[in-house]
């Protein structure tokens, strides 16, 4: 199964930082040579607007994601592109 990151790009999450999160994820995947191994998709709304920015990694939801949390999540789930997480 291909690892998957789904990031909410709905207006509330976008306003709270999902654009910066997306840019970070894209750069991180490129830097670690993982872009081809990880499916990155967007969604319009995850129905958790008050908890945003929201995202999922391999079906597990994460709320209130900022760049500091995101760096840890990427390292935890993908490490040096060990995509079997």
PDB file of N, CA and C in Angstrom:
ATOM      1  N   UNK A   1       0.846  -1.194   0.000  1.00  0.00           N
ATOM      2  CA  UNK A   1       0.000   0.000   0.000  1.00  0.00           C
ATOM      3  C   UNK A   1       0.887   1.252   0.000  1.00  0.00           C
ATOM      4  N   UNK A   2       0.599   2.157  -0.885  1.00  0.00           N
ATOM      5  CA  UNK A   2       1.356   3.403  -0.981  1.00  0.00           C
ATOM      6  C   UNK A   2       1.033   4.303   0.207  1.00  0.00           C
ATOM      7  N   UNK A   3       2.041   4.803   0.906  1.00  0.00           N
ATOM      8  CA  UNK A   3       1.796   5.755   1.988  1.00  0.00           C
ATOM      9  C   UNK A   3       1.084   6.990   1.441  1.00  0.00           C
ATOM     10  N   UNK A   4       0.200   7.558   2.261  1.00  0.00           N
ATOM     11  CA  UNK A   4      -0.644   8.659   1.775  1.00  0.00           C
ATOM     12  C   UNK A   4      -0.730   9.770   2.803  1.00  0.00           C
ATOM     13  N   UNK A   5      -0.582  10.990   2.319  1.00  0.00           N
ATOM     14  CA  UNK A   5      -0.793  12.186   3.129  1.00  0.00           C
ATOM     15  C   UNK A   5      -1.955  12.933   2.505  1.00  0.00           C
ATOM     16  N   UNK A   6      -2.972  13.207   3.317  1.00  0.00           N
ATOM     17  CA  UNK A   6      -4.111  14.004   2.846  1.00  0.00           C
ATOM     18  C   UNK A   6      -4.153  15.266   3.690  1.00  0.00           C
ATOM     19  N   UNK A   7      -4.106  16.399   3.021  1.00  0.00           N
ATOM     20  CA  UNK A   7      -4.085  17.674   3.723  1.00  0.00           C
ATOM     21  C   UNK A   7      -5.343  18.467   3.366  1.00  0.00           C
ATOM     22  N   UNK A   8      -5.992  18.965   4.385  1.00  0.00           N
ATOM     23  CA  UNK A   8      -7.206  19.753   4.171  1.00  0.00           C
ATOM     24  C   UNK A   8      -6.824  21.133   3.652  1.00  0.00           C
ATOM     25  N   UNK A   9      -7.435  21.510   2.548  1.00  0.00           N
ATOM     26  CA  UNK A   9      -7.199  22.823   1.964  1.00  0.00           C
ATOM     27  C   UNK A   9      -8.480  23.662   1.984  1.00  0.00           C
ATOM     28  N   UNK A  10      -9.430  23.268   2.849  1.00  0.00           N
ATOM     29  CA  UNK A  10     -10.640  24.051   3.016  1.00  0.00           C
ATOM     30  C   UNK A  10     -10.304  25.437   3.545  1.00  0.00           C
ATOM     31  N   UNK A  11     -11.223  26.364   3.430  1.00  0.00           N
ATOM     32  CA  UNK A  11     -10.935  27.773   3.739  1.00  0.00           C
ATOM     33  C   UNK A  11     -10.437  27.976   5.169  1.00  0.00           C
ATOM     34  N   UNK A  12     -11.014  27.292   6.143  1.00  0.00           N
ATOM     35  CA  UNK A  12     -10.590  27.476   7.524  1.00  0.00           C
ATOM     36  C   UNK A  12      -9.169  26.951   7.738  1.00  0.00           C
ATOM     37  N   UNK A  13      -8.899  25.752   7.257  1.00  0.00           N
ATOM     38  CA  UNK A  13      -7.556  25.174   7.402  1.00  0.00           C
ATOM     39  C   UNK A  13      -6.538  25.972   6.595  1.00  0.00           C
ATOM     40  N   UNK A  14      -6.935  26.411   5.412  1.00  0.00           N
ATOM     41  CA  UNK A  14      -6.035  27.199   4.570  1.00  0.00           C
ATOM     42  C   UNK A  14      -5.628  28.472   5.295  1.00  0.00           C
ATOM     43  N   UNK A  15      -6.619  29.125   5.903  1.00  0.00           N
ATOM     44  CA  UNK A  15      -6.370  30.368   6.627  1.00  0.00           C
ATOM     45  C   UNK A  15      -5.493  30.133   7.857  1.00  0.00           C
ATOM     46  N   UNK A  16      -5.566  28.953   8.430  1.00  0.00           N
ATOM     47  CA  UNK A  16      -4.804  28.633   9.640  1.00  0.00           C
ATOM     48  C   UNK A  16      -3.413  28.064   9.358  1.00  0.00           C
ATOM     49  N   UNK A  17      -3.078  27.858   8.077  1.00  0.00           N
ATOM     50  CA  UNK A  17      -1.713  27.462   7.782  1.00  0.00           C
ATOM     51  C   UNK A  17      -1.504  26.245   6.917  1.00  0.00           C
ATOM     52  N   UNK A  18      -2.562  25.679   6.353  1.00  0.00           N
ATOM     53  CA  UNK A  18      -2.362  24.462   5.563  1.00  0.00           C
ATOM     54  C   UNK A  18      -1.536  24.716   4.297  1.00  0.00           C
ATOM     55  N   UNK A  19      -1.540  25.936   3.774  1.00  0.00           N
ATOM     56  CA  UNK A  19      -0.708  26.231   2.603  1.00  0.00           C
ATOM     57  C   UNK A  19       0.773  26.091   2.973  1.00  0.00           C
ATOM     58  N   UNK A  20       1.163  26.643   4.109  1.00  0.00           N
ATOM     59  CA  UNK A  20       2.552  26.507   4.567  1.00  0.00           C
ATOM     60  C   UNK A  20       2.882  25.051   4.851  1.00  0.00           C
ATOM     61  N   UNK A  21       1.924  24.328   5.419  1.00  0.00           N
ATOM     62  CA  UNK A  21       2.135  22.905   5.684  1.00  0.00           C
ATOM     63  C   UNK A  21       2.362  22.136   4.386  1.00  0.00           C
ATOM     64  N   UNK A  22       1.553  22.432   3.380  1.00  0.00           N
ATOM     65  CA  UNK A  22       1.698  21.768   2.087  1.00  0.00           C
ATOM     66  C   UNK A  22       3.070  22.054   1.483  1.00  0.00           C
ATOM     67  N   UNK A  23       3.486  23.299   1.521  1.00  0.00           N
ATOM     68  CA  UNK A  23       4.795  23.667   0.984  1.00  0.00           C
ATOM     69  C   UNK A  23       5.915  22.929   1.728  1.00  0.00           C
ATOM     70  N   UNK A  24       5.782  22.821   3.043  1.00  0.00           N
ATOM     71  CA  UNK A  24       6.779  22.109   3.839  1.00  0.00           C
ATOM     72  C   UNK A  24       6.821  20.632   3.448  1.00  0.00           C
ATOM     73  N   UNK A  25       5.648  20.008   3.340  1.00  0.00           N
ATOM     74  CA  UNK A  25       5.574  18.585   2.991  1.00  0.00           C
ATOM     75  C   UNK A  25       6.214  18.340   1.627  1.00  0.00           C
ATOM     76  N   UNK A  26       5.863  19.165   0.644  1.00  0.00           N
ATOM     77  CA  UNK A  26       6.435  18.999  -0.696  1.00  0.00           C
ATOM     78  C   UNK A  26       7.956  19.118  -0.666  1.00  0.00           C
ATOM     79  N   UNK A  27       8.465  20.116   0.050  1.00  0.00           N
ATOM     80  CA  UNK A  27       9.913  20.309   0.135  1.00  0.00           C
ATOM     81  C   UNK A  27      10.572  19.150   0.881  1.00  0.00           C
ATOM     82  N   UNK A  28       9.949  18.690   1.972  1.00  0.00           N
ATOM     83  CA  UNK A  28      10.507  17.589   2.757  1.00  0.00           C
ATOM     84  C   UNK A  28      10.583  16.317   1.924  1.00  0.00           C
ATOM     85  N   UNK A  29       9.512  16.025   1.198  1.00  0.00           N
ATOM     86  CA  UNK A  29       9.496  14.821   0.358  1.00  0.00           C
ATOM     87  C   UNK A  29      10.558  14.889  -0.734  1.00  0.00           C
ATOM     88  N   UNK A  30      10.733  16.056  -1.329  1.00  0.00           N
ATOM     89  CA  UNK A  30      11.768  16.228  -2.353  1.00  0.00           C
ATOM     90  C   UNK A  30      13.167  16.080  -1.747  1.00  0.00           C
ATOM     91  N   UNK A  31      13.389  16.750  -0.628  1.00  0.00           N
ATOM     92  CA  UNK A  31      14.701  16.734   0.004  1.00  0.00           C
ATOM     93  C   UNK A  31      15.114  15.316   0.427  1.00  0.00           C
ATOM     94  N   UNK A  32      14.144  14.523   0.856  1.00  0.00           N
ATOM     95  CA  UNK A  32      14.419  13.160   1.310  1.00  0.00           C
ATOM     96  C   UNK A  32      14.211  12.123   0.206  1.00  0.00           C
ATOM     97  N   UNK A  33      13.985  12.615  -1.005  1.00  0.00           N
ATOM     98  CA  UNK A  33      13.785  11.762  -2.193  1.00  0.00           C
ATOM     99  C   UNK A  33      12.657  10.745  -1.988  1.00  0.00           C
ATOM    100  N   UNK A  34      11.559  11.247  -1.439  1.00  0.00           N
ATOM    101  CA  UNK A  34      10.402  10.405  -1.142  1.00  0.00           C
ATOM    102  C   UNK A  34       9.183  10.743  -1.999  1.00  0.00           C
ATOM    103  N   UNK A  35       9.274  11.781  -2.793  1.00  0.00           N
ATOM    104  CA  UNK A  35       8.090  12.284  -3.501  1.00  0.00           C
ATOM    105  C   UNK A  35       7.407  11.218  -4.345  1.00  0.00           C
ATOM    106  N   UNK A  36       8.170  10.374  -4.994  1.00  0.00           N
ATOM    107  CA  UNK A  36       7.582   9.348  -5.858  1.00  0.00           C
ATOM    108  C   UNK A  36       6.976   8.202  -5.049  1.00  0.00           C
ATOM    109  N   UNK A  37       7.376   8.063  -3.792  1.00  0.00           N
ATOM    110  CA  UNK A  37       6.931   6.940  -2.969  1.00  0.00           C
ATOM    111  C   UNK A  37       5.721   7.263  -2.097  1.00  0.00           C
ATOM    112  N   UNK A  38       5.345   8.538  -2.010  1.00  0.00           N
ATOM    113  CA  UNK A  38       4.263   8.971  -1.119  1.00  0.00           C
ATOM    114  C   UNK A  38       3.191   9.682  -1.939  1.00  0.00           C
ATOM    115  N   UNK A  39       1.946   9.262  -1.760  1.00  0.00           N
ATOM    116  CA  UNK A  39       0.818   9.923  -2.420  1.00  0.00           C
ATOM    117  C   UNK A  39       0.413  11.132  -1.580  1.00  0.00           C
ATOM    118  N   UNK A  40       0.426  12.305  -2.183  1.00  0.00           N
ATOM    119  CA  UNK A  40       0.050  13.542  -1.514  1.00  0.00           C
ATOM    120  C   UNK A  40      -1.212  14.064  -2.177  1.00  0.00           C
ATOM    121  N   UNK A  41      -2.297  14.148  -1.392  1.00  0.00           N
ATOM    122  CA  UNK A  41      -3.577  14.610  -1.926  1.00  0.00           C
ATOM    123  C   UNK A  41      -4.147  15.697  -1.037  1.00  0.00           C
ATOM    124  N   UNK A  42      -5.017  16.494  -1.603  1.00  0.00           N
ATOM    125  CA  UNK A  42      -5.710  17.526  -0.854  1.00  0.00           C
ATOM    126  C   UNK A  42      -7.184  17.198  -0.741  1.00  0.00           C
ATOM    127  N   UNK A  43      -7.826  17.831   0.210  1.00  0.00           N
ATOM    128  CA  UNK A  43      -9.272  17.701   0.331  1.00  0.00           C
ATOM    129  C   UNK A  43      -9.840  19.095   0.574  1.00  0.00           C
ATOM    130  N   UNK A  44     -11.112  19.224   0.330  1.00  0.00           N
ATOM    131  CA  UNK A  44     -11.744  20.535   0.511  1.00  0.00           C
ATOM    132  C   UNK A  44     -12.143  20.790   1.955  1.00  0.00           C
ATOM    133  N   UNK A  45     -12.497  19.735   2.674  1.00  0.00           N
ATOM    134  CA  UNK A  45     -12.889  19.900   4.069  1.00  0.00           C
ATOM    135  C   UNK A  45     -12.902  18.539   4.744  1.00  0.00           C
ATOM    136  N   UNK A  46     -12.432  18.510   5.964  1.00  0.00           N
ATOM    137  CA  UNK A  46     -12.424  17.279   6.765  1.00  0.00           C
ATOM    138  C   UNK A  46     -13.445  17.354   7.910  1.00  0.00           C
ATOM    139  N   UNK A  47     -14.299  18.361   7.890  1.00  0.00           N
ATOM    140  CA  UNK A  47     -15.359  18.548   8.897  1.00  0.00           C
ATOM    141  C   UNK A  47     -14.824  18.649  10.321  1.00  0.00           C
ATOM    142  N   UNK A  48     -13.654  19.234  10.472  1.00  0.00           N
ATOM    143  CA  UNK A  48     -13.085  19.479  11.797  1.00  0.00           C
ATOM    144  C   UNK A  48     -12.454  20.870  11.791  1.00  0.00           C
ATOM    145  N   UNK A  49     -13.165  21.823  11.216  1.00  0.00           N
ATOM    146  CA  UNK A  49     -12.626  23.157  10.961  1.00  0.00           C
ATOM    147  C   UNK A  49     -12.051  23.827  12.209  1.00  0.00           C
ATOM    148  N   UNK A  50     -12.699  23.673  13.328  1.00  0.00           N
ATOM    149  CA  UNK A  50     -12.239  24.326  14.555  1.00  0.00           C
ATOM    150  C   UNK A  50     -10.928  23.745  15.078  1.00  0.00           C
ATOM    151  N   UNK A  51     -10.574  22.562  14.607  1.00  0.00           N
ATOM    152  CA  UNK A  51      -9.359  21.893  15.058  1.00  0.00           C
ATOM    153  C   UNK A  51      -8.194  22.081  14.086  1.00  0.00           C
ATOM    154  N   UNK A  52      -8.416  22.801  12.990  1.00  0.00           N
ATOM    155  CA  UNK A  52      -7.442  22.888  11.906  1.00  0.00           C
ATOM    156  C   UNK A  52      -6.186  23.658  12.241  1.00  0.00           C
ATOM    157  N   UNK A  53      -5.239  23.568  11.346  1.00  0.00           N
ATOM    158  CA  UNK A  53      -5.220  22.829  10.104  1.00  0.00           C
ATOM    159  C   UNK A  53      -5.188  21.316  10.336  1.00  0.00           C
ATOM    160  N   UNK A  54      -5.938  20.616   9.494  1.00  0.00           N
ATOM    161  CA  UNK A  54      -6.103  19.168   9.627  1.00  0.00           C
ATOM    162  C   UNK A  54      -5.417  18.429   8.487  1.00  0.00           C
ATOM    163  N   UNK A  55      -4.972  17.228   8.812  1.00  0.00           N
ATOM    164  CA  UNK A  55      -4.392  16.362   7.795  1.00  0.00           C
ATOM    165  C   UNK A  55      -4.469  14.921   8.267  1.00  0.00           C
ATOM    166  N   UNK A  56      -4.237  14.010   7.350  1.00  0.00           N
ATOM    167  CA  UNK A  56      -4.177  12.589   7.668  1.00  0.00           C
ATOM    168  C   UNK A  56      -2.880  12.030   7.097  1.00  0.00           C
ATOM    169  N   UNK A  57      -2.286  11.128   7.842  1.00  0.00           N
ATOM    170  CA  UNK A  57      -1.155  10.362   7.332  1.00  0.00           C
ATOM    171  C   UNK A  57      -1.546   8.902   7.462  1.00  0.00           C
ATOM    172  N   UNK A  58      -1.617   8.232   6.325  1.00  0.00           N
ATOM    173  CA  UNK A  58      -2.028   6.825   6.273  1.00  0.00           C
ATOM    174  C   UNK A  58      -3.334   6.574   7.026  1.00  0.00           C
ATOM    175  N   UNK A  59      -4.290   7.503   6.846  1.00  0.00           N
ATOM    176  CA  UNK A  59      -5.612   7.363   7.440  1.00  0.00           C
ATOM    177  C   UNK A  59      -5.733   7.839   8.878  1.00  0.00           C
ATOM    178  N   UNK A  60      -4.636   8.190   9.507  1.00  0.00           N
ATOM    179  CA  UNK A  60      -4.681   8.667  10.898  1.00  0.00           C
ATOM    180  C   UNK A  60      -4.794  10.190  10.903  1.00  0.00           C
ATOM    181  N   UNK A  61      -5.840  10.729  11.545  1.00  0.00           N
ATOM    182  CA  UNK A  61      -6.038  12.179  11.532  1.00  0.00           C
ATOM    183  C   UNK A  61      -5.118  12.910  12.515  1.00  0.00           C
ATOM    184  N   UNK A  62      -4.719  14.095  12.106  1.00  0.00           N
ATOM    185  CA  UNK A  62      -3.940  14.998  12.951  1.00  0.00           C
ATOM    186  C   UNK A  62      -4.584  16.371  12.853  1.00  0.00           C
ATOM    187  N   UNK A  63      -4.687  17.053  13.991  1.00  0.00           N
ATOM    188  CA  UNK A  63      -5.354  18.355  14.061  1.00  0.00           C
ATOM    189  C   UNK A  63      -4.393  19.396  14.632  1.00  0.00           C
ATOM    190  N   UNK A  64      -4.639  20.641  14.282  1.00  0.00           N
ATOM    191  CA  UNK A  64      -3.815  21.733  14.796  1.00  0.00           C
ATOM    192  C   UNK A  64      -2.367  21.614  14.352  1.00  0.00           C
ATOM    193  N   UNK A  65      -2.170  21.136  13.143  1.00  0.00           N
ATOM    194  CA  UNK A  65      -0.820  20.873  12.650  1.00  0.00           C
ATOM    195  C   UNK A  65      -0.131  22.187  12.282  1.00  0.00           C
ATOM    196  N   UNK A  66       1.017  22.424  12.932  1.00  0.00           N
ATOM    197  CA  UNK A  66       1.858  23.558  12.560  1.00  0.00           C
ATOM    198  C   UNK A  66       3.195  23.014  12.073  1.00  0.00           C
ATOM    199  N   UNK A  67       4.097  23.885  11.665  1.00  0.00           N
ATOM    200  CA  UNK A  67       5.349  23.428  11.058  1.00  0.00           C
ATOM    201  C   UNK A  67       6.210  22.619  12.036  1.00  0.00           C
ATOM    202  N   UNK A  68       6.195  22.970  13.297  1.00  0.00           N
ATOM    203  CA  UNK A  68       6.985  22.214  14.280  1.00  0.00           C
ATOM    204  C   UNK A  68       6.445  20.786  14.439  1.00  0.00           C
ATOM    205  N   UNK A  69       5.149  20.671  14.580  1.00  0.00           N
ATOM    206  CA  UNK A  69       4.521  19.349  14.696  1.00  0.00           C
ATOM    207  C   UNK A  69       4.735  18.569  13.400  1.00  0.00           C
ATOM    208  N   UNK A  70       4.598  19.257  12.282  1.00  0.00           N
ATOM    209  CA  UNK A  70       4.709  18.608  10.981  1.00  0.00           C
ATOM    210  C   UNK A  70       6.091  18.004  10.762  1.00  0.00           C
ATOM    211  N   UNK A  71       7.137  18.705  11.151  1.00  0.00           N
ATOM    212  CA  UNK A  71       8.500  18.173  11.015  1.00  0.00           C
ATOM    213  C   UNK A  71       8.626  16.863  11.782  1.00  0.00           C
ATOM    214  N   UNK A  72       8.101  16.822  12.993  1.00  0.00           N
ATOM    215  CA  UNK A  72       8.134  15.596  13.799  1.00  0.00           C
ATOM    216  C   UNK A  72       7.305  14.479  13.162  1.00  0.00           C
ATOM    217  N   UNK A  73       6.125  14.819  12.651  1.00  0.00           N
ATOM    218  CA  UNK A  73       5.270  13.815  12.011  1.00  0.00           C
ATOM    219  C   UNK A  73       5.938  13.207  10.782  1.00  0.00           C
ATOM    220  N   UNK A  74       6.548  14.042   9.976  1.00  0.00           N
ATOM    221  CA  UNK A  74       7.206  13.533   8.770  1.00  0.00           C
ATOM    222  C   UNK A  74       8.353  12.603   9.146  1.00  0.00           C
ATOM    223  N   UNK A  75       9.126  12.997  10.119  1.00  0.00           N
ATOM    224  CA  UNK A  75      10.246  12.167  10.562  1.00  0.00           C
ATOM    225  C   UNK A  75       9.739  10.852  11.154  1.00  0.00           C
ATOM    226  N   UNK A  76       8.695  10.942  11.952  1.00  0.00           N
ATOM    227  CA  UNK A  76       8.113   9.755  12.605  1.00  0.00           C
ATOM    228  C   UNK A  76       7.561   8.767  11.579  1.00  0.00           C
ATOM    229  N   UNK A  77       6.818   9.271  10.600  1.00  0.00           N
ATOM    230  CA  UNK A  77       6.152   8.390   9.639  1.00  0.00           C
ATOM    231  C   UNK A  77       7.033   7.970   8.472  1.00  0.00           C
ATOM    232  N   UNK A  78       7.957   8.839   8.089  1.00  0.00           N
ATOM    233  CA  UNK A  78       8.711   8.568   6.873  1.00  0.00           C
ATOM    234  C   UNK A  78      10.220   8.483   7.073  1.00  0.00           C
ATOM    235  N   UNK A  79      10.721   8.979   8.200  1.00  0.00           N
ATOM    236  CA  UNK A  79      12.148   8.896   8.489  1.00  0.00           C
ATOM    237  C   UNK A  79      12.984   9.229   7.286  1.00  0.00           C
ATOM    238  N   UNK A  80      13.878   8.388   6.957  1.00  0.00           N
ATOM    239  CA  UNK A  80      14.699   8.563   5.757  1.00  0.00           C
ATOM    240  C   UNK A  80      14.004   7.857   4.594  1.00  0.00           C
ATOM    241  N   UNK A  81      12.744   8.160   4.439  1.00  0.00           N
ATOM    242  CA  UNK A  81      11.885   7.598   3.405  1.00  0.00           C
ATOM    243  C   UNK A  81      11.648   6.107   3.615  1.00  0.00           C
ATOM    244  N   UNK A  82      11.548   5.739   4.862  1.00  0.00           N
ATOM    245  CA  UNK A  82      11.132   4.377   5.188  1.00  0.00           C
ATOM    246  C   UNK A  82       9.610   4.404   5.173  1.00  0.00           C
ATOM    247  N   UNK A  83       9.045   4.206   4.022  1.00  0.00           N
ATOM    248  CA  UNK A  83       7.625   4.450   3.807  1.00  0.00           C
ATOM    249  C   UNK A  83       6.733   3.312   4.262  1.00  0.00           C
ATOM    250  N   UNK A  84       7.233   2.367   4.993  1.00  0.00           N
ATOM    251  CA  UNK A  84       6.423   1.231   5.460  1.00  0.00           C
ATOM    252  C   UNK A  84       5.691   1.558   6.768  1.00  0.00           C
ATOM    253  N   UNK A  85       5.715   2.787   7.224  1.00  0.00           N
ATOM    254  CA  UNK A  85       5.121   3.141   8.518  1.00  0.00           C
ATOM    255  C   UNK A  85       3.636   2.886   8.554  1.00  0.00           C
TER     256      UNK A  85
END
